[in-house]
Amino acid sequence: MFGFFKKKKPDAAPRQGSRLTAQQFIALTLSDEKLSMPVYLPGIRSEAECDELGLWPLIYIWNVDRAAGTFSLSVNGKAIAHLLEPFVPREDPAYVEIRDEAMKVIAEASTQSVLATIEKTGLMPDVLFAYHAEDAQQEQG
């Protein structure tokens, strides 16, 4: 009924398959320019406030300290879960591993990209990735 007595498959096969799925999902996500573009959210000051976000943005920057030259970058777990579900159902034993791997890799890749952009432009993320609602409305209209 619950699969307790099913013959256990070798660990290598499911993980390898999960790894490929995670890599494919990460590649799809990072290749979408609008989806993978970080957004600076000036009102966020703590992880608890980040938890209140909906499904947008996928990648967000907060807690910018210009004097120290630091910032925080986070990946929206709710958005990742929403995007991942069509590919891997939540009931799938590999779901959590794939979700966590995707969040980790997307956060690392985004952080490196933001740092490279800061180095190249000399601008902090609050300037580089400020979200302008007017610009988004013009794109949609």
Protein backbone atom coordinates (compact mmCIF):
# COMPACT_ATOMS: atom_id res chain seq x y z
CA MET A 1 0.00 0.00 0.00
CA PHE A 2 2.64 2.55 0.96
CA GLY A 3 5.49 0.87 -0.84
CA PHE A 4 7.28 -0.28 2.32
CA PHE A 5 7.76 -3.77 0.96
CA LYS A 6 8.78 -2.89 -2.56
CA LYS A 7 12.24 -3.93 -3.58
CA LYS A 8 14.56 -1.02 -3.00
CA LYS A 9 16.25 0.25 -6.14
CA PRO A 10 19.92 1.19 -6.07
CA ASP A 11 20.46 4.72 -4.78
CA ALA A 12 22.54 5.74 -7.80
CA ALA A 13 19.76 5.47 -10.37
CA PRO A 14 17.13 7.75 -8.77
CA ARG A 15 19.68 10.33 -7.74
CA GLN A 16 21.23 10.43 -11.17
CA GLY A 17 17.78 10.88 -12.72
CA SER A 18 16.92 13.52 -10.14
CA ARG A 19 20.18 15.31 -10.81
CA LEU A 20 19.41 15.47 -14.53
CA THR A 21 15.93 16.78 -13.83
CA ALA A 22 17.34 19.38 -11.43
CA GLN A 23 19.94 20.45 -13.99
CA GLN A 24 17.32 20.70 -16.73
CA PHE A 25 15.00 22.72 -14.50
CA ILE A 26 17.84 25.04 -13.47
CA ALA A 27 18.88 25.54 -17.10
CA LEU A 28 15.31 26.33 -18.14
CA THR A 29 14.89 28.79 -15.29
CA LEU A 30 18.20 30.59 -15.77
CA SER A 31 17.78 30.79 -19.55
CA ASP A 32 14.57 32.82 -19.18
CA GLU A 33 15.82 36.42 -19.10
CA LYS A 34 12.78 37.94 -17.38
CA LEU A 35 12.38 35.12 -14.89
CA SER A 36 16.04 35.05 -13.88
CA MET A 37 16.45 38.84 -13.57
CA PRO A 38 16.82 39.79 -9.91
CA VAL A 39 14.57 42.50 -8.50
CA TYR A 40 15.61 44.86 -5.71
CA LEU A 41 12.97 45.04 -2.97
CA PRO A 42 13.74 48.01 -0.72
CA GLY A 43 11.01 47.25 1.83
CA ILE A 44 12.43 43.87 2.85
CA ARG A 45 14.56 43.95 5.99
CA SER A 46 14.44 40.37 7.29
CA GLU A 47 14.03 36.75 6.20
CA ALA A 48 10.61 36.75 7.88
CA GLU A 49 9.44 39.51 5.54
CA CYS A 50 10.75 37.52 2.58
CA ASP A 51 8.46 34.65 3.56
CA GLU A 52 5.45 36.92 2.97
CA LEU A 53 6.19 37.30 -0.76
CA GLY A 54 3.89 35.62 -3.25
CA LEU A 55 5.08 33.93 -6.43
CA TRP A 56 7.01 36.96 -7.70
CA PRO A 57 9.85 37.78 -7.99
CA LEU A 58 11.82 34.57 -8.38
CA ILE A 59 15.15 36.17 -7.42
CA TYR A 60 15.23 39.22 -5.21
CA ILE A 61 17.83 41.46 -3.66
CA TRP A 62 17.30 43.13 -0.33
CA ASN A 63 19.24 44.52 2.63
CA VAL A 64 21.61 46.63 0.50
CA ASP A 65 24.22 48.43 2.60
CA ARG A 66 26.09 50.85 0.35
CA ALA A 67 28.57 51.82 3.05
CA ALA A 68 29.62 48.22 3.61
CA GLY A 69 29.14 47.25 -0.04
CA THR A 70 26.92 44.30 0.89
CA PHE A 71 23.52 42.95 -0.07
CA SER A 72 21.36 39.89 0.41
CA LEU A 73 20.11 37.79 -2.50
CA SER A 74 17.37 35.22 -2.06
CA VAL A 75 15.46 32.79 -4.24
CA ASN A 76 11.71 32.69 -3.73
CA GLY A 77 10.95 29.14 -2.59
CA LYS A 78 7.23 29.50 -3.36
CA ALA A 79 8.03 30.52 -6.93
CA ILE A 80 10.47 27.63 -7.38
CA ALA A 81 7.87 25.18 -6.07
CA HIS A 82 5.24 26.61 -8.42
CA LEU A 83 7.55 26.40 -11.43
CA LEU A 84 8.84 22.93 -10.55
CA GLU A 85 5.49 21.24 -9.98
CA PRO A 86 4.57 20.72 -13.67
CA PHE A 87 7.84 18.79 -14.07
CA VAL A 88 8.04 16.96 -10.74
CA PRO A 89 4.93 16.45 -8.59
CA ARG A 90 5.32 17.30 -4.90
CA GLU A 91 4.56 13.67 -4.06
CA ASP A 92 7.64 12.52 -5.99
CA PRO A 93 10.35 11.37 -3.54
CA ALA A 94 12.92 13.41 -5.52
CA TYR A 95 10.89 16.65 -5.33
CA VAL A 96 12.53 18.09 -2.20
CA GLU A 97 16.04 17.22 -3.40
CA ILE A 98 15.40 18.80 -6.81
CA ARG A 99 13.78 21.90 -5.29
CA ASP A 100 16.61 22.42 -2.81
CA GLU A 101 19.30 21.84 -5.45
CA ALA A 102 17.57 24.27 -7.83
CA MET A 103 17.31 26.97 -5.15
CA LYS A 104 20.98 26.53 -4.17
CA VAL A 105 22.34 26.60 -7.73
CA ILE A 106 20.10 29.48 -8.84
CA ALA A 107 21.11 31.51 -5.77
CA GLU A 108 24.82 30.83 -6.37
CA ALA A 109 24.64 31.61 -10.10
CA SER A 110 22.60 34.76 -9.49
CA THR A 111 24.95 35.99 -6.77
CA GLN A 112 27.98 35.49 -9.03
CA SER A 113 26.21 37.28 -11.88
CA VAL A 114 25.22 40.21 -9.66
CA LEU A 115 28.77 40.49 -8.26
CA ALA A 116 30.21 40.48 -11.79
CA THR A 117 27.74 43.19 -12.84
CA ILE A 118 28.62 45.29 -9.78
CA GLU A 119 32.32 44.94 -10.58
CA LYS A 120 31.77 45.84 -14.23
CA THR A 121 29.48 48.84 -13.63
CA GLY A 122 30.50 50.05 -10.19
CA LEU A 123 26.81 50.29 -9.28
CA MET A 124 25.13 48.62 -6.31
CA PRO A 125 22.17 46.23 -6.79
CA ASP A 126 19.62 48.75 -5.53
CA VAL A 127 20.40 50.83 -8.62
CA LEU A 128 21.03 47.98 -11.06
CA PHE A 129 17.94 45.95 -10.24
CA ALA A 130 15.37 48.53 -9.13
CA TYR A 131 11.94 47.45 -10.29
CA HIS A 132 10.04 50.19 -12.04
CA ALA A 133 6.33 49.39 -12.23
CA GLU A 134 5.85 51.97 -15.00
CA ASP A 135 8.42 50.22 -17.21
CA ALA A 136 6.74 46.85 -16.70
CA GLN A 137 3.33 48.29 -17.56
CA GLN A 138 4.69 49.81 -20.78
CA GLU A 139 6.18 46.44 -21.77
CA GLN A 140 2.85 44.72 -21.19
CA GLY A 141 0.72 47.44 -22.83
